Amino acid sequence: MKKRPEDSRSPEQLASLIINDRLRLETRGLQLSEINREIEYLSQRPDYFSELDYFLDLCLHMGSPKKISQRTNRKVALLWCLSSPVEVVLATGFQPIRFPGGCVAPRSLSEAMLKSVSCPMLRTAIGSLMAQDPGEDDRVAAMVFPTTCDWAAKTDAFLDLDKVWDKTPRLQVKFPVLKDRLACQEAWLDEVYSLVDFLGGLGHPPKRRDLSQAVATFDKAYWALSELVDLKRLGLVPEIWFLVIANTVYLDVTERWVKAVKKVKDYFQKAKPLPGKAVYLAGSPIFFPNFKFLKLLEKAGLKVVVDDFCSSERAVVGPINHEDSSFHGRLKALTLRYRENCLCPSIVGSEHRVKLILDPKKRKLFNSVVFHVLKGCQPFELESLNLEAKIKAEGLRFIRIEEDYSPIEEAALLNRLLDFAKVL
């Protein structure tokens, strides 16, 4: 654990700190305004119904680890992405949550050290952490950085520059980029054991029962979300509401979240099929409240019936096959499941994503693929180039849309999507 050095700053440095704290406060206010505006928009949509208020209330807490900690009665472990097993986090006594990365306002704090060519989600996530009140870190037990992309691998170094988080225990977990090699599989299991030791030393070392209970808990979340997925396939659940629900899965006690999902499922089952032309949505994930792209899809007359976002349909990994009921056996099965589920473009080859898109069970639901790329996300940009040829060769239409969090480019993006929709 890193210790904060003794405060020996000059009056000029302390004056600078006051300004910095003022900027933190102003940024938090802008971030909250941004969140509230999106919640207001969602609550005014014609497809809104009162059972969705539970998820909108959770969205209010998305930028505050302290509020999530209070709600779940656990200290939290911030995860850069969900390639690290959340079951391990829960089994050691912590609440897993993702780094906040959907607001525009926090970028003002991080852009001085992160150039505009960097991932906008990274700039937003780092800025959001820099904007936190210094008391927030009392409820954050740890930070975990899986190296699923180069930006994630460098995030730890950026936080060394910020005095709010410089004392928070942090761990980098090396994710295997070669799925099929036995040596990579074994190395990945070693990395997950490092995560167990790291979090177990901060919380409590997990036993077989702890891990089994955690697996069972998130299995419930997976099956609840899967029922909504089935309804989305039928065109009954708008993608924007699906992402609101999926984005909040780790912001509350899982059992409460599951009950809320079952309530909205009953409503969606009775809804009329959505208008629009069905598409498969892939690429860079989308996080609340940055739903600009989803709104543009709706305006263009496109409805998402399948997606492969880790922020959406793949937000919960799903059940594991563990014939060996020992702790080691279950952990090994869990790491295998996470490795197989990962679609990050840093993984060598795009064959898994192609297979998912061309899955015969889904293929009949759509005839086009929309590939969403955040500017600065070079791995997804490169993957789209490889993917496009393979998808078109199978008779599907394909469009790649690159966007930033900025609203300036909305008109141009909408025109491209409208033109694409006309030929479907």
Protein backbone atom coordinates (compact mmCIF):
# COMPACT_ATOMS: atom_id res chain seq x y z
CA MET A 1 0.00 0.00 0.00
CA LYS A 2 1.34 3.40 -0.97
CA LYS A 3 1.54 6.00 1.82
CA ARG A 4 0.82 9.65 1.31
CA PRO A 5 3.96 11.76 2.00
CA GLU A 6 3.98 14.32 4.79
CA ASP A 7 2.50 17.67 3.79
CA SER A 8 5.37 20.16 3.49
CA ARG A 9 3.87 22.40 0.82
CA SER A 10 4.47 26.12 0.62
CA PRO A 11 1.61 28.70 0.89
CA GLU A 12 1.74 29.06 -2.90
CA GLN A 13 1.34 25.30 -3.32
CA LEU A 14 -1.53 25.26 -0.84
CA ALA A 15 -3.23 28.05 -2.78
CA SER A 16 -2.88 25.94 -5.91
CA LEU A 17 -4.42 23.03 -4.02
CA ILE A 18 -7.45 25.16 -3.13
CA ILE A 19 -7.95 25.97 -6.79
CA ASN A 20 -7.57 22.29 -7.59
CA ASP A 21 -10.18 21.36 -4.99
CA ARG A 22 -12.46 24.03 -6.43
CA LEU A 23 -12.06 22.48 -9.85
CA ARG A 24 -12.88 19.08 -8.42
CA LEU A 25 -16.06 20.47 -6.89
CA GLU A 26 -17.07 22.27 -10.08
CA THR A 27 -16.41 19.17 -12.15
CA ARG A 28 -18.49 17.00 -9.83
CA GLY A 29 -21.32 19.48 -10.20
CA LEU A 30 -21.09 19.41 -14.01
CA GLN A 31 -20.92 15.62 -13.97
CA LEU A 32 -24.03 15.38 -11.83
CA SER A 33 -25.84 17.83 -14.12
CA GLU A 34 -24.92 15.69 -17.09
CA ILE A 35 -26.25 12.58 -15.37
CA ASN A 36 -29.45 14.34 -14.33
CA ARG A 37 -30.07 15.62 -17.87
CA GLU A 38 -29.85 12.11 -19.26
CA ILE A 39 -32.11 10.74 -16.52
CA GLU A 40 -34.61 13.51 -17.28
CA TYR A 41 -34.49 12.62 -20.98
CA LEU A 42 -35.02 8.93 -20.24
CA SER A 43 -37.90 9.59 -17.87
CA GLN A 44 -39.64 11.67 -20.57
CA ARG A 45 -39.38 9.02 -23.30
CA PRO A 46 -42.70 7.56 -24.45
CA ASP A 47 -41.44 4.04 -23.63
CA TYR A 48 -40.67 4.95 -19.99
CA PHE A 49 -42.60 3.24 -17.19
CA SER A 50 -42.28 3.61 -13.43
CA GLU A 51 -40.56 0.24 -12.81
CA LEU A 52 -37.50 1.68 -14.58
CA ASP A 53 -37.02 4.26 -11.79
CA TYR A 54 -34.97 1.75 -9.79
CA PHE A 55 -32.31 1.64 -12.52
CA LEU A 56 -32.37 5.41 -13.06
CA ASP A 57 -31.81 5.86 -9.33
CA LEU A 58 -28.75 3.59 -9.56
CA CYS A 59 -27.47 5.66 -12.49
CA LEU A 60 -27.36 8.67 -10.16
CA HIS A 61 -24.72 6.83 -8.11
CA MET A 62 -22.60 5.76 -11.06
CA GLY A 63 -19.93 8.38 -10.41
CA SER A 64 -19.79 7.95 -6.64
CA PRO A 65 -18.01 4.90 -5.14
CA LYS A 66 -19.02 6.11 -1.68
CA LYS A 67 -22.76 5.97 -2.45
CA ILE A 68 -22.43 2.54 -4.03
CA SER A 69 -20.51 1.37 -0.96
CA GLN A 70 -23.20 2.69 1.34
CA ARG A 71 -25.93 1.07 -0.72
CA THR A 72 -24.28 -2.36 -0.79
CA ASN A 73 -22.78 -2.12 2.72
CA ARG A 74 -19.39 -3.16 1.31
CA LYS A 75 -16.23 -1.35 0.42
CA VAL A 76 -15.76 -1.31 -3.34
CA ALA A 77 -13.08 -2.54 -5.70
CA LEU A 78 -12.85 -0.41 -8.85
CA LEU A 79 -12.25 -2.49 -11.97
CA TRP A 80 -11.03 -0.96 -15.20
CA CYS A 81 -12.97 -3.62 -17.10
CA LEU A 82 -14.90 -6.80 -16.42
CA SER A 83 -12.27 -9.24 -17.67
CA SER A 84 -11.23 -9.66 -14.03
CA PRO A 85 -13.60 -12.13 -12.32
CA VAL A 86 -16.14 -10.15 -10.31
CA GLU A 87 -16.87 -13.36 -8.41
CA VAL A 88 -13.41 -13.15 -6.82
CA VAL A 89 -14.10 -9.57 -5.78
CA LEU A 90 -17.38 -10.50 -4.10
CA ALA A 91 -15.88 -13.62 -2.51
CA THR A 92 -13.27 -11.49 -0.75
CA GLY A 93 -15.94 -9.21 0.71
CA PHE A 94 -15.91 -6.28 -1.73
CA GLN A 95 -18.39 -4.82 -4.21
CA PRO A 96 -17.08 -4.87 -7.79
CA ILE A 97 -17.81 -1.78 -9.89
CA ARG A 98 -16.42 -0.52 -13.17
CA PHE A 99 -14.48 2.68 -13.55
CA PRO A 100 -16.93 5.46 -14.44
CA GLY A 101 -16.40 6.34 -18.08
CA GLY A 102 -19.51 7.84 -19.67
CA CYS A 103 -19.55 11.53 -18.72
CA VAL A 104 -17.99 14.32 -20.76
CA ALA A 105 -17.40 16.89 -17.97
CA PRO A 106 -14.55 15.09 -16.11
CA ARG A 107 -12.32 15.21 -19.17
CA SER A 108 -11.43 18.80 -18.32
CA LEU A 109 -9.33 17.48 -15.40
CA SER A 110 -7.48 14.80 -17.36
CA GLU A 111 -6.88 16.40 -20.74
CA ALA A 112 -3.81 18.26 -19.53
CA MET A 113 -1.94 14.96 -19.33
CA LEU A 114 -3.97 12.90 -21.81
CA LYS A 115 -3.88 14.09 -25.40
CA SER A 116 -7.02 14.31 -27.53
CA VAL A 117 -5.88 11.28 -29.53
CA SER A 118 -6.24 9.04 -26.47
CA CYS A 119 -9.30 6.94 -25.73
CA PRO A 120 -12.20 9.25 -24.71
CA MET A 121 -13.37 6.66 -22.20
CA LEU A 122 -9.94 6.72 -20.57
CA ARG A 123 -9.93 10.52 -20.37
CA THR A 124 -13.40 10.47 -18.85
CA ALA A 125 -12.64 7.68 -16.37
CA ILE A 126 -9.40 9.28 -15.14
CA GLY A 127 -11.05 12.69 -14.96
CA SER A 128 -13.97 11.27 -13.01
CA LEU A 129 -11.61 9.76 -10.46
CA MET A 130 -9.65 13.01 -10.21
CA ALA A 131 -12.93 14.83 -9.55
CA GLN A 132 -13.79 12.70 -6.53
CA ASP A 133 -13.96 14.21 -3.10
CA PRO A 134 -10.83 13.20 -1.10
CA GLY A 135 -13.12 11.33 1.28
CA GLU A 136 -14.26 8.98 -1.50
CA ASP A 137 -11.11 6.88 -1.30
CA ASP A 138 -12.06 5.79 2.22
CA ARG A 139 -14.70 3.54 0.67
CA VAL A 140 -12.53 2.24 -2.19
CA ALA A 141 -10.53 -0.75 -1.01
CA ALA A 142 -8.62 -1.38 -4.23
CA MET A 143 -8.27 -0.77 -7.95
CA VAL A 144 -7.69 -3.51 -10.51
CA PHE A 145 -6.32 -2.91 -14.00
CA PRO A 146 -6.57 -5.83 -16.44
CA THR A 147 -4.25 -5.22 -19.38
CA THR A 148 -6.95 -5.78 -21.98
CA CYS A 149 -5.75 -2.70 -23.85
CA ASP A 150 -2.69 -0.44 -23.81
CA TRP A 151 -4.69 2.43 -22.33
CA ALA A 152 -5.79 0.28 -19.39
CA ALA A 153 -2.20 -0.83 -18.83
CA LYS A 154 -1.09 2.81 -18.41
CA THR A 155 -3.99 4.03 -16.26
CA ASP A 156 -2.25 3.01 -13.04
CA ALA A 157 0.65 5.36 -13.83
CA PHE A 158 -1.71 8.28 -14.43
CA LEU A 159 -3.28 7.84 -11.01
CA ASP A 160 0.15 8.19 -9.39
CA LEU A 161 -0.10 11.86 -10.37
CA ASP A 162 -3.33 12.41 -8.45
CA LYS A 163 -3.19 12.82 -4.66
CA VAL A 164 -6.70 11.49 -4.06
CA TRP A 165 -5.83 7.99 -5.22
CA ASP A 166 -2.07 7.69 -4.80
CA LYS A 167 -2.42 5.70 -1.57
CA THR A 168 -5.13 3.29 -2.80
CA PRO A 169 -3.86 -0.32 -3.27
CA ARG A 170 -3.72 -1.15 -6.97
CA LEU A 171 -3.01 -4.27 -8.99
CA GLN A 172 -2.38 -4.89 -12.67
CA VAL A 173 -3.64 -8.22 -14.01
CA LYS A 174 -2.09 -9.42 -17.25
CA PHE A 175 -4.78 -10.73 -19.57
CA PRO A 176 -3.69 -13.33 -22.19
CA VAL A 177 -3.78 -12.06 -25.76
CA LEU A 178 -3.40 -15.57 -27.20
CA LYS A 179 -6.44 -17.61 -26.21
CA ASP A 180 -5.44 -21.00 -27.53
CA ARG A 181 -1.95 -21.41 -26.13
CA LEU A 182 -1.69 -23.62 -23.05
CA ALA A 183 1.07 -21.44 -21.59
CA CYS A 184 -1.22 -18.38 -21.82
CA GLN A 185 -4.07 -20.26 -20.18
CA GLU A 186 -1.85 -21.28 -17.27
CA ALA A 187 -0.42 -17.78 -16.97
CA TRP A 188 -3.97 -16.36 -16.82
CA LEU A 189 -4.85 -18.71 -13.96
CA ASP A 190 -1.73 -17.51 -12.13
CA GLU A 191 -2.86 -13.91 -12.65
CA VAL A 192 -6.28 -14.64 -11.19
CA TYR A 193 -4.63 -16.29 -8.20
CA SER A 194 -2.65 -13.05 -7.79
CA LEU A 195 -5.98 -11.23 -7.72
CA VAL A 196 -7.25 -13.64 -5.05
CA ASP A 197 -4.17 -13.03 -2.91
CA PHE A 198 -4.29 -9.26 -3.44
CA LEU A 199 -7.96 -8.79 -2.55
CA GLY A 200 -7.89 -11.52 0.08
CA GLY A 201 -5.11 -9.66 1.87
CA LEU A 202 -7.23 -6.50 1.92
CA GLY A 203 -10.52 -8.19 2.77
CA HIS A 204 -10.65 -11.82 3.79
CA PRO A 205 -9.04 -14.81 2.05
CA PRO A 206 -11.88 -16.55 0.20
CA LYS A 207 -12.80 -20.15 0.89
CA ARG A 208 -14.55 -22.58 -1.42
CA ARG A 209 -17.94 -21.67 0.00
CA ASP A 210 -17.30 -17.93 -0.53
CA LEU A 211 -16.41 -18.48 -4.18
CA SER A 212 -19.36 -20.84 -4.73
CA GLN A 213 -21.79 -18.31 -3.25
CA ALA A 214 -20.35 -15.53 -5.39
CA VAL A 215 -20.65 -17.65 -8.53
CA ALA A 216 -24.26 -18.50 -7.66
CA THR A 217 -25.03 -14.82 -7.03
CA PHE A 218 -23.85 -13.64 -10.42
CA ASP A 219 -25.42 -16.64 -12.13
CA LYS A 220 -28.77 -15.20 -11.01
CA ALA A 221 -27.85 -11.87 -12.57
CA TYR A 222 -26.83 -13.61 -15.80
CA TRP A 223 -30.10 -15.50 -16.16
CA ALA A 224 -32.16 -12.41 -15.35
CA LEU A 225 -30.32 -10.43 -18.01
CA SER A 226 -30.62 -13.34 -20.45
CA GLU A 227 -34.41 -13.18 -20.20
CA LEU A 228 -34.24 -9.53 -21.27
CA VAL A 229 -31.88 -10.51 -24.10
CA ASP A 230 -34.52 -12.94 -25.39
CA LEU A 231 -37.08 -10.14 -25.43
CA LYS A 232 -34.64 -7.81 -27.19
CA ARG A 233 -34.20 -10.43 -29.91
CA LEU A 234 -37.96 -10.13 -30.51
CA GLY A 235 -37.67 -6.34 -30.80
CA LEU A 236 -39.47 -5.69 -27.51
CA VAL A 237 -36.68 -4.02 -25.49
CA PRO A 238 -35.11 -0.77 -26.77
CA GLU A 239 -31.30 -0.90 -26.71
CA ILE A 240 -31.13 2.33 -24.72
CA TRP A 241 -33.14 0.81 -21.86
CA PHE A 242 -31.25 -2.45 -22.09
CA LEU A 243 -27.97 -0.57 -21.56
CA VAL A 244 -29.40 1.38 -18.61
CA ILE A 245 -30.26 -1.93 -16.96
CA ALA A 246 -27.01 -3.70 -17.84
CA ASN A 247 -24.88 -0.70 -16.84
CA THR A 248 -26.28 -0.87 -13.29
CA VAL A 249 -25.77 -4.56 -12.54
CA TYR A 250 -22.83 -3.91 -10.18
CA LEU A 251 -24.22 -0.80 -8.48
CA ASP A 252 -26.40 -2.58 -5.93
CA VAL A 253 -26.83 -5.82 -4.04
CA THR A 254 -27.32 -8.36 -6.83
CA GLU A 255 -30.50 -9.88 -5.40
CA ARG A 256 -32.25 -6.48 -5.43
CA TRP A 257 -31.11 -5.85 -8.99
CA VAL A 258 -32.40 -9.25 -10.13
CA LYS A 259 -35.85 -8.60 -8.61
CA ALA A 260 -36.01 -5.24 -10.40
CA VAL A 261 -35.07 -6.86 -13.72
CA LYS A 262 -37.86 -9.41 -13.36
CA LYS A 263 -40.36 -6.58 -12.82
CA VAL A 264 -39.38 -4.73 -16.00
CA LYS A 265 -39.28 -8.02 -17.93
CA ASP A 266 -42.97 -8.53 -17.17
CA TYR A 267 -43.70 -5.11 -18.65
CA PHE A 268 -41.55 -5.54 -21.78
CA GLN A 269 -43.22 -8.87 -22.50
CA LYS A 270 -46.47 -6.99 -23.10
CA ALA A 271 -44.90 -4.23 -25.22
CA LYS A 272 -45.47 -3.83 -28.95
CA PRO A 273 -42.56 -4.71 -31.27
CA LEU A 274 -40.33 -1.73 -31.94
CA PRO A 275 -40.33 -0.08 -35.35
CA GLY A 276 -37.15 0.13 -37.41
CA LYS A 277 -34.71 -2.06 -39.29
CA ALA A 278 -32.91 -4.64 -37.16
CA VAL A 279 -29.11 -4.43 -36.81
CA TYR A 280 -26.27 -6.09 -34.93
CA LEU A 281 -24.28 -3.54 -32.87
CA ALA A 282 -20.59 -4.21 -32.19
CA GLY A 283 -17.37 -2.37 -31.34
CA SER A 284 -16.40 0.07 -28.59
CA PRO A 285 -18.70 -0.23 -25.54
CA ILE A 286 -21.20 2.48 -24.62
CA PHE A 287 -21.71 3.67 -21.04
CA PHE A 288 -24.29 5.84 -19.31
CA PRO A 289 -24.86 8.76 -19.71
CA ASN A 290 -23.18 8.91 -23.13
CA PHE A 291 -26.10 7.48 -25.10
CA LYS A 292 -25.72 9.85 -28.04
CA PHE A 293 -25.00 7.05 -30.50
CA LEU A 294 -28.02 5.01 -29.40
CA LYS A 295 -30.26 8.02 -29.96
CA LEU A 296 -28.81 8.51 -33.44
CA LEU A 297 -29.56 4.89 -34.29
CA GLU A 298 -33.17 5.40 -33.25
CA LYS A 299 -33.47 8.61 -35.30
CA ALA A 300 -32.13 6.75 -38.33
CA GLY A 301 -34.81 4.09 -37.96
CA LEU A 302 -32.45 1.34 -36.78
CA LYS A 303 -33.19 -0.96 -33.86
CA VAL A 304 -30.56 -3.08 -32.14
CA VAL A 305 -31.62 -6.70 -31.65
CA VAL A 306 -28.13 -8.08 -30.88
CA ASP A 307 -24.97 -6.48 -29.48
CA ASP A 308 -21.64 -7.77 -28.19
CA PHE A 309 -20.78 -4.94 -25.77
CA CYS A 310 -19.20 -5.76 -22.42
CA SER A 311 -21.36 -2.90 -21.13
CA SER A 312 -24.53 -4.59 -22.34
CA GLU A 313 -25.26 -8.21 -23.26
CA ARG A 314 -21.87 -9.42 -21.97
CA ALA A 315 -21.96 -7.42 -18.72
CA VAL A 316 -22.30 -10.68 -16.77
CA VAL A 317 -20.12 -13.60 -17.85
CA GLY A 318 -22.51 -16.45 -17.10
CA PRO A 319 -22.49 -19.98 -15.67
CA ILE A 320 -19.33 -22.06 -15.45
CA ASN A 321 -18.70 -25.76 -15.94
CA HIS A 322 -16.98 -26.95 -12.77
CA GLU A 323 -16.87 -30.71 -12.46
CA ASP A 324 -14.13 -30.26 -9.86
CA SER A 325 -15.89 -28.74 -6.82
CA SER A 326 -12.66 -27.76 -5.03
CA PHE A 327 -11.65 -24.09 -4.75
CA HIS A 328 -8.96 -24.60 -7.37
CA GLY A 329 -11.35 -26.41 -9.70
CA ARG A 330 -13.97 -23.70 -9.52
CA LEU A 331 -11.45 -20.90 -9.89
CA LYS A 332 -9.93 -22.64 -12.91
CA ALA A 333 -13.36 -23.02 -14.51
CA LEU A 334 -14.11 -19.39 -13.78
CA THR A 335 -10.92 -18.10 -15.39
CA LEU A 336 -11.59 -20.26 -18.43
CA ARG A 337 -15.06 -18.77 -18.77
CA TYR A 338 -13.73 -15.22 -18.58
CA ARG A 339 -11.04 -15.93 -21.13
CA GLU A 340 -13.52 -17.46 -23.57
CA ASN A 341 -16.04 -14.66 -23.07
CA CYS A 342 -13.59 -11.82 -23.74
CA LEU A 343 -14.05 -10.09 -27.10
CA CYS A 344 -11.57 -7.28 -26.53
CA PRO A 345 -9.78 -6.44 -29.81
CA SER A 346 -6.43 -6.75 -28.06
CA ILE A 347 -6.99 -10.51 -28.26
CA VAL A 348 -5.29 -11.88 -31.36
CA GLY A 349 -7.72 -12.63 -34.20
CA SER A 350 -11.38 -11.66 -34.70
CA GLU A 351 -12.69 -15.14 -35.47
CA HIS A 352 -14.71 -15.35 -32.24
CA ARG A 353 -16.58 -12.12 -33.00
CA VAL A 354 -17.24 -13.27 -36.59
CA LYS A 355 -18.65 -16.57 -35.29
CA LEU A 356 -20.96 -14.72 -32.91
CA ILE A 357 -22.25 -12.45 -35.65
CA LEU A 358 -22.82 -15.37 -38.04
CA ASP A 359 -24.37 -17.62 -35.39
CA PRO A 360 -27.30 -19.30 -37.20
CA LYS A 361 -29.59 -18.68 -34.21
CA LYS A 362 -29.05 -14.92 -34.50
CA ARG A 363 -28.26 -14.50 -38.20
CA LYS A 364 -31.93 -14.54 -39.23
CA LEU A 365 -32.68 -11.59 -36.93
CA PHE A 366 -30.71 -8.95 -38.89
CA ASN A 367 -29.03 -8.31 -42.21
CA SER A 368 -26.56 -5.58 -41.27
CA VAL A 369 -23.83 -4.78 -38.75
CA VAL A 370 -23.12 -1.37 -37.23
CA PHE A 371 -19.60 -1.17 -35.82
CA HIS A 372 -19.14 1.61 -33.26
CA VAL A 373 -15.61 2.97 -32.74
CA LEU A 374 -14.57 5.58 -30.18
CA LYS A 375 -11.93 7.91 -31.58
CA GLY A 376 -8.57 6.97 -30.11
CA CYS A 377 -9.53 3.31 -29.69
CA GLN A 378 -7.06 1.96 -32.23
CA PRO A 379 -7.59 -1.76 -31.44
CA PHE A 380 -11.31 -1.57 -32.29
CA GLU A 381 -10.55 0.57 -35.34
CA LEU A 382 -8.11 -2.02 -36.68
CA GLU A 383 -10.48 -4.88 -35.89
CA SER A 384 -13.28 -3.21 -37.85
CA LEU A 385 -11.12 -3.18 -40.98
CA ASN A 386 -10.52 -6.93 -40.71
CA LEU A 387 -14.11 -7.65 -39.73
CA GLU A 388 -15.73 -5.67 -42.55
CA ALA A 389 -14.41 -7.88 -45.35
CA LYS A 390 -15.43 -11.09 -43.58
CA ILE A 391 -18.94 -9.83 -42.80
CA LYS A 392 -19.59 -8.50 -46.30
CA ALA A 393 -18.39 -11.80 -47.78
CA GLU A 394 -21.32 -13.44 -45.96
CA GLY A 395 -23.84 -11.13 -47.59
CA LEU A 396 -24.34 -8.75 -44.67
CA ARG A 397 -24.15 -4.99 -44.94
CA PHE A 398 -21.58 -3.28 -42.74
CA ILE A 399 -20.93 0.28 -41.59
CA ARG A 400 -18.23 1.60 -39.27
CA ILE A 401 -19.04 4.78 -37.36
CA GLU A 402 -16.29 6.58 -35.47
CA GLU A 403 -17.33 9.08 -32.83
CA ASP A 404 -16.17 10.99 -29.78
CA TYR A 405 -18.18 12.00 -26.74
CA SER A 406 -18.62 15.47 -28.25
CA PRO A 407 -22.11 16.41 -29.56
CA ILE A 408 -20.62 18.57 -32.33
CA GLU A 409 -20.55 15.79 -34.93
CA GLU A 410 -24.10 14.50 -34.41
CA ALA A 411 -25.57 15.84 -37.69
CA ALA A 412 -22.87 14.24 -39.84
CA LEU A 413 -23.14 10.90 -38.04
CA LEU A 414 -26.94 10.92 -38.37
CA ASN A 415 -26.71 11.54 -42.11
CA ARG A 416 -24.40 8.55 -42.53
CA LEU A 417 -26.74 6.31 -40.55
CA LEU A 418 -29.78 7.57 -42.51
CA ASP A 419 -28.04 6.77 -45.79
CA PHE A 420 -27.13 3.33 -44.47
CA ALA A 421 -30.71 2.65 -43.37
CA LYS A 422 -32.07 3.51 -46.83
CA VAL A 423 -30.26 0.60 -48.47
CA LEU A 424 -31.31 -2.03 -45.93
